[in-house]
Structures are given as structure tokens and as C-alpha cells.
Amino acid sequence: MPAAPVRVALVQLEVTDAESVDDRLTRVVDLAREAAAGADLVLLPEMWHVGAFAVDLAEKHAQGLGDEVVTALREVAESTATWVHGGSFSEVTPDGRHFNTSVLVSPYGEIAETYRKVHLFGFDGGETTLMSSGERLVVTDSPLGPTGLATCYDLRFPEMFRGLTELGAESFLVPAGWPERRIAHWTLLARARAVENQAFVLACNGAGTHAGVPIGGRSLVVDPHGEVLAEAGTGEEVLVAEIDPDRVQAWRDAFPVLPDRRL
């Protein structure tokens, strides 16, 4: 039986130094709830609560999985009966380690899966000065079928996405805080990961300027052929697209490149 079309909403948030972390949390919860109206899945950007490049704020406002950020996302998912991928937030664990962590929340308000960013950006600076690397590839069920989770800089490592595909992924959710000066790479790499793995890529970037870094926007939804189904501009907006999950297997059957891999 054909799968029903899936309506996705990518919330491209503007993050600036002028807005407090507490005010942003309140605003984003409202935006996510609005985006969930009529959507099957909502996706937020990377580290939206503090800003992807604001390492000092990431340490100051780090939270556990049971604290305010995740609790608010769970409430949004449950109250709207929508899947919510919370982008990522600065997590601190009971043993004092910090992670760039994503949660995928089911329409019942339950944490369906957690992913801790594997590839940390900074070349021995930036988030590498605070965060620990995750150690696990994550594929989980979502309205899109088997779905691989990744974050921002992960997009530059094709072997990770091939590993997710080998674990069964037919789509990828990629929140990011990708800077404006390298935004051409963002679009190129998102399309490449889709083509290589014959999978959907939903890549939600931030916008605005924080910590002196302009963020590039241009969130996009890419189909298994590498075609861009929807693309945002450079400011804050909600990008909506409709996806047919059956297109993945149809294309893999019609053009069976994946079984030809030898190395």
C-alpha cells in the first residue's frame, strides 16, 4: 500500500545577540507550535537556543534531557500530535560532559531518539573546546520511514551518511548553524548526500548574526535524485514541503547503484 504524503515544516530561525536565551525559547516554542499545524514533522536548526557559534552561552545555558528545552519540545509535540525534531541544544550530562544533542520527539510527547553530534567543528577551537563527540550513528523511525540523524558539520563526512544508509536510512534530518560565507558548500553537500545515498535530505539552517558570525539560511529539502524540492531564503521563515516516502525505494529499484559498492 503506498505511503501517505508527509508534510514537513523546517523552521529557519533568526538568532541574534539582541535576544535573550529565555525570550528566544518562548518565541521558538510558539513558532514551532504554529509550524506544527497541518505538518507531520517539524525540524528546528542547530543550537538555536544560544546560537551555534556562541560557545560561552552553550556552557552557561547547558541543560539535561529533562530540563526546560526538551520539556518544551515534548509539550509542543504532544499538544499538536506532531513529530518534532528539536534541532539541537547544549546538553550537559550528570557526569559533567557537554554534547551538541538532538532529540526527536514523537506525537505522544515521548523522546523517540537522541543523537549526539559526532563531528565537532572548530579545528581545536569553537565547540571542540567544550563539547565531547558523540559515538553512535542513529537511524530511527519517523513519518519519513527509517531516518538518519546528523548535525551541521557532519554533512562534510560522506562516510557517515553511507553508514546511516547501511543501517537502513531512507532520509536524513540535518539541523545546522551553517555560516553565510560557506553557504554554497551547504547546498552542494546536502544535494550530494541525497544523490549518493538515494535518500531525502531535510536540512534546516539558522539565520541572523550572533557571536559575530552571519548564518546563511537557505534551508532546503532535497529528493533522492538530488533535486531541490523547496529552499528558504536568508531570513527567518518556515519552509514547508510535501514528501512521498515511496520515492526512495522506487528510485533505488529503478537505478540500483547502492548494491554495486565494492569498497
Protein backbone atom coordinates (compact mmCIF):
# COMPACT_ATOMS: atom_id res chain seq x y z
CA MET A 1 0.00 0.00 0.00
CA PRO A 2 1.50 3.39 -0.96
CA ALA A 3 2.69 5.58 1.90
CA ALA A 4 0.74 8.76 2.54
CA PRO A 5 2.50 12.02 1.62
CA VAL A 6 4.39 13.57 4.53
CA ARG A 7 4.17 17.31 5.14
CA VAL A 8 7.33 18.74 6.71
CA ALA A 9 7.99 22.19 8.17
CA LEU A 10 11.56 23.45 8.55
CA VAL A 11 11.67 26.38 10.97
CA GLN A 12 14.60 28.56 9.88
CA LEU A 13 15.14 30.70 12.97
CA GLU A 14 16.91 34.02 13.23
CA VAL A 15 19.35 34.01 16.16
CA THR A 16 20.88 37.32 17.24
CA ASP A 17 22.76 38.59 20.27
CA ALA A 18 19.96 41.10 20.89
CA GLU A 19 17.51 38.40 22.03
CA SER A 20 17.93 36.70 25.39
CA VAL A 21 18.03 32.92 25.64
CA ASP A 22 14.85 32.89 27.73
CA ASP A 23 12.97 35.14 25.30
CA ARG A 24 14.09 33.03 22.36
CA LEU A 25 12.89 29.82 23.98
CA THR A 26 9.43 31.32 24.48
CA ARG A 27 9.31 32.65 20.93
CA VAL A 28 10.55 29.43 19.33
CA VAL A 29 8.09 27.26 21.22
CA ASP A 30 5.27 29.42 19.82
CA LEU A 31 6.74 29.27 16.30
CA ALA A 32 7.14 25.51 16.47
CA ARG A 33 3.57 25.10 17.61
CA GLU A 34 2.34 27.24 14.72
CA ALA A 35 4.50 25.32 12.23
CA ALA A 36 3.09 22.04 13.51
CA ALA A 37 -0.41 22.99 12.36
CA GLY A 38 -1.01 20.74 9.37
CA ALA A 39 2.53 19.29 9.46
CA ASP A 40 3.59 15.73 10.17
CA LEU A 41 7.13 16.65 11.16
CA VAL A 42 8.76 19.90 12.34
CA LEU A 43 12.53 20.47 12.20
CA LEU A 44 14.47 23.23 14.00
CA PRO A 45 18.09 24.42 13.46
CA GLU A 46 21.24 23.56 15.40
CA MET A 47 21.80 25.16 18.83
CA TRP A 48 19.03 27.68 18.26
CA HIS A 49 18.62 28.44 21.96
CA VAL A 50 22.08 30.00 22.29
CA GLY A 51 23.48 30.22 18.75
CA ALA A 52 25.71 27.65 17.10
CA PHE A 53 28.86 29.79 17.47
CA ALA A 54 28.19 31.11 20.99
CA VAL A 55 30.31 28.62 22.91
CA ASP A 56 30.26 30.73 26.07
CA LEU A 57 26.46 30.70 26.11
CA ALA A 58 26.41 26.99 25.28
CA GLU A 59 28.30 26.34 28.50
CA LYS A 60 26.30 28.80 30.57
CA HIS A 61 22.90 27.55 29.37
CA ALA A 62 23.61 23.83 29.06
CA GLN A 63 20.75 21.60 30.16
CA GLY A 64 19.91 17.97 30.76
CA LEU A 65 17.41 15.91 28.79
CA GLY A 66 14.83 16.50 31.50
CA ASP A 67 15.19 20.27 31.64
CA GLU A 68 13.40 23.23 30.07
CA VAL A 69 14.36 23.00 26.38
CA VAL A 70 13.49 19.33 25.88
CA THR A 71 10.43 19.56 28.12
CA ALA A 72 9.10 22.44 25.99
CA LEU A 73 9.68 20.49 22.77
CA ARG A 74 7.89 17.48 24.20
CA GLU A 75 4.91 19.64 25.11
CA VAL A 76 4.74 21.06 21.57
CA ALA A 77 4.83 17.59 20.04
CA GLU A 78 2.17 16.19 22.35
CA SER A 79 -0.16 19.18 22.17
CA THR A 80 -0.08 19.22 18.36
CA ALA A 81 0.21 15.43 17.79
CA THR A 82 3.22 16.15 15.55
CA TRP A 83 6.73 14.73 15.31
CA VAL A 84 9.23 17.38 16.42
CA HIS A 85 12.95 17.25 15.75
CA GLY A 86 14.29 19.86 18.14
CA GLY A 87 17.31 20.86 16.07
CA SER A 88 20.00 20.61 18.73
CA PHE A 89 20.80 22.08 22.14
CA SER A 90 23.73 22.24 24.54
CA GLU A 91 23.40 19.17 26.75
CA VAL A 92 25.28 18.61 29.99
CA THR A 93 25.21 15.07 31.36
CA PRO A 94 25.27 14.07 35.03
CA ASP A 95 29.00 13.34 34.76
CA GLY A 96 29.65 16.93 33.60
CA ARG A 97 30.30 16.27 29.90
CA HIS A 98 28.79 18.54 27.24
CA PHE A 99 27.29 17.44 23.93
CA ASN A 100 25.65 19.04 20.93
CA THR A 101 22.49 16.97 21.22
CA SER A 102 19.39 16.42 19.10
CA VAL A 103 16.13 14.90 20.23
CA LEU A 104 13.37 13.54 18.03
CA VAL A 105 10.04 13.65 19.86
CA SER A 106 7.02 11.54 18.92
CA PRO A 107 3.46 12.91 18.68
CA TYR A 108 2.89 11.40 22.13
CA GLY A 109 5.48 13.71 23.63
CA GLU A 110 7.99 10.91 24.14
CA ILE A 111 11.67 11.11 23.20
CA ALA A 112 11.85 8.68 20.30
CA GLU A 113 15.61 9.04 19.80
CA THR A 114 18.62 11.10 20.86
CA TYR A 115 21.65 11.89 18.70
CA ARG A 116 24.88 13.50 19.93
CA LYS A 117 26.85 15.24 17.19
CA VAL A 118 29.80 13.12 16.11
CA HIS A 119 31.88 15.64 14.11
CA LEU A 120 32.62 18.78 16.12
CA PHE A 121 33.53 21.98 14.31
CA GLY A 122 36.29 24.34 15.29
CA PHE A 123 39.73 22.99 14.33
CA ASP A 124 40.69 22.76 18.02
CA GLY A 125 38.61 25.87 18.76
CA GLY A 126 34.87 26.62 18.82
CA GLU A 127 32.66 23.82 20.06
CA THR A 128 35.64 21.46 20.34
CA THR A 129 36.72 23.45 23.42
CA LEU A 130 33.52 22.49 25.25
CA MET A 131 31.76 19.55 23.63
CA SER A 132 32.51 15.85 23.57
CA SER A 133 31.89 13.91 20.36
CA GLY A 134 29.01 11.51 20.13
CA GLU A 135 29.92 7.92 19.38
CA ARG A 136 26.80 6.46 17.80
CA LEU A 137 25.15 6.52 14.40
CA VAL A 138 21.40 6.90 14.81
CA VAL A 139 18.66 5.64 12.50
CA THR A 140 15.11 5.74 13.83
CA ASP A 141 11.55 5.52 12.57
CA SER A 142 9.77 8.74 11.63
CA PRO A 143 6.93 9.65 9.26
CA LEU A 144 9.59 9.51 6.51
CA GLY A 145 10.39 5.87 7.27
CA PRO A 146 13.85 4.87 8.55
CA THR A 147 15.54 8.21 9.22
CA GLY A 148 19.19 9.03 9.89
CA LEU A 149 20.09 11.87 12.22
CA ALA A 150 23.06 14.19 11.66
CA THR A 151 24.05 17.75 12.57
CA CYS A 152 25.68 20.54 10.54
CA TYR A 153 29.43 19.76 10.14
CA ASP A 154 28.53 16.04 9.84
CA LEU A 155 27.38 16.93 6.32
CA ARG A 156 31.02 17.12 5.22
CA PHE A 157 31.65 13.45 6.03
CA PRO A 158 30.05 11.22 3.36
CA GLU A 159 31.15 8.03 5.10
CA MET A 160 28.84 8.86 7.99
CA PHE A 161 25.84 9.13 5.69
CA ARG A 162 26.78 5.91 3.92
CA GLY A 163 26.93 4.27 7.34
CA LEU A 164 23.44 5.56 8.12
CA THR A 165 22.23 4.22 4.77
CA GLU A 166 23.71 0.82 5.55
CA LEU A 167 21.70 0.90 8.79
CA GLY A 168 18.55 1.36 6.68
CA ALA A 169 18.12 5.13 6.42
CA GLU A 170 15.91 6.40 3.61
CA SER A 171 16.00 10.04 4.71
CA PHE A 172 18.25 12.33 6.74
CA LEU A 173 17.36 15.15 9.13
CA VAL A 174 20.17 17.73 9.38
CA PRO A 175 19.82 20.78 11.64
CA ALA A 176 22.62 23.31 11.24
CA GLY A 177 24.15 26.67 12.05
CA TRP A 178 25.98 26.95 8.73
CA PRO A 179 27.75 30.30 8.15
CA GLU A 180 26.90 32.57 5.27
CA ARG A 181 30.46 32.64 3.90
CA ARG A 182 30.32 28.91 3.08
CA ILE A 183 26.65 28.63 2.15
CA ALA A 184 27.45 27.35 -1.36
CA HIS A 185 29.03 24.29 0.28
CA TRP A 186 25.86 23.76 2.33
CA THR A 187 23.66 23.42 -0.74
CA LEU A 188 26.20 21.36 -2.65
CA LEU A 189 26.81 18.90 0.18
CA ALA A 190 23.12 18.44 1.00
CA ARG A 191 22.43 17.56 -2.63
CA ALA A 192 25.47 15.29 -2.79
CA ARG A 193 24.42 13.32 0.29
CA ALA A 194 20.97 12.84 -1.27
CA VAL A 195 22.37 11.66 -4.62
CA GLU A 196 24.99 9.36 -3.12
CA ASN A 197 22.53 7.58 -0.87
CA GLN A 198 19.36 7.92 -2.96
CA ALA A 199 17.61 9.41 0.03
CA PHE A 200 15.74 12.54 1.09
CA VAL A 201 17.74 15.24 2.88
CA LEU A 202 15.92 17.75 5.09
CA ALA A 203 18.47 20.38 6.07
CA CYS A 204 17.34 23.17 8.40
CA ASN A 205 19.78 26.04 8.86
CA GLY A 206 19.63 29.11 11.08
CA ALA A 207 19.66 32.77 10.08
CA GLY A 208 20.75 36.09 11.58
CA THR A 209 24.10 37.04 13.12
CA HIS A 210 25.39 36.03 16.53
CA ALA A 211 28.85 35.91 18.11
CA GLY A 212 30.00 37.94 15.10
CA VAL A 213 29.09 35.19 12.60
CA PRO A 214 26.40 35.71 9.92
CA ILE A 215 24.44 32.48 9.43
CA GLY A 216 23.41 31.68 5.88
CA GLY A 217 19.84 30.36 5.95
CA ARG A 218 18.95 28.53 2.70
CA SER A 219 17.31 25.58 4.43
CA LEU A 220 16.32 23.01 1.86
CA VAL A 221 14.53 19.77 1.13
CA VAL A 222 16.27 17.53 -1.41
CA ASP A 223 14.80 14.44 -3.06
CA PRO A 224 16.63 11.15 -3.79
CA HIS A 225 17.58 12.41 -7.28
CA GLY A 226 19.32 15.43 -5.75
CA GLU A 227 16.62 17.83 -6.90
CA VAL A 228 15.75 20.66 -4.53
CA LEU A 229 12.04 20.45 -3.74
CA ALA A 230 11.97 23.56 -1.57
CA GLU A 231 14.52 26.15 -0.46
CA ALA A 232 14.33 29.02 2.00
CA GLY A 233 15.78 32.48 1.68
CA THR A 234 18.27 34.05 4.07
CA GLY A 235 15.93 35.34 6.79
CA GLU A 236 13.62 33.75 9.31
CA GLU A 237 10.88 31.68 7.70
CA VAL A 238 9.05 28.36 7.84
CA LEU A 239 9.83 26.22 4.80
CA VAL A 240 7.07 23.72 4.02
CA ALA A 241 7.28 20.77 1.63
CA GLU A 242 5.36 17.60 0.88
CA ILE A 243 7.33 14.37 0.56
CA ASP A 244 6.40 11.00 -0.88
CA PRO A 245 8.48 8.46 1.09
CA ASP A 246 7.85 5.79 -1.56
CA ARG A 247 10.09 7.69 -3.99
CA VAL A 248 13.19 6.40 -2.20
CA GLN A 249 12.64 2.72 -2.85
CA ALA A 250 11.22 3.42 -6.30
CA TRP A 251 14.44 5.19 -7.30
CA ARG A 252 16.66 2.61 -5.64
CA ASP A 253 14.84 -0.12 -7.58
CA ALA A 254 14.97 1.77 -10.88
CA PHE A 255 18.66 2.75 -10.51
CA PRO A 256 20.22 0.19 -8.15
CA VAL A 257 23.59 1.84 -7.61
CA LEU A 258 23.96 1.03 -3.89
CA PRO A 259 24.45 -2.76 -4.33
CA ASP A 260 27.37 -2.06 -6.73
CA ARG A 261 29.53 -0.61 -3.96
CA ARG A 262 32.78 -2.60 -3.60
CA LEU A 263 34.86 -0.60 -1.12
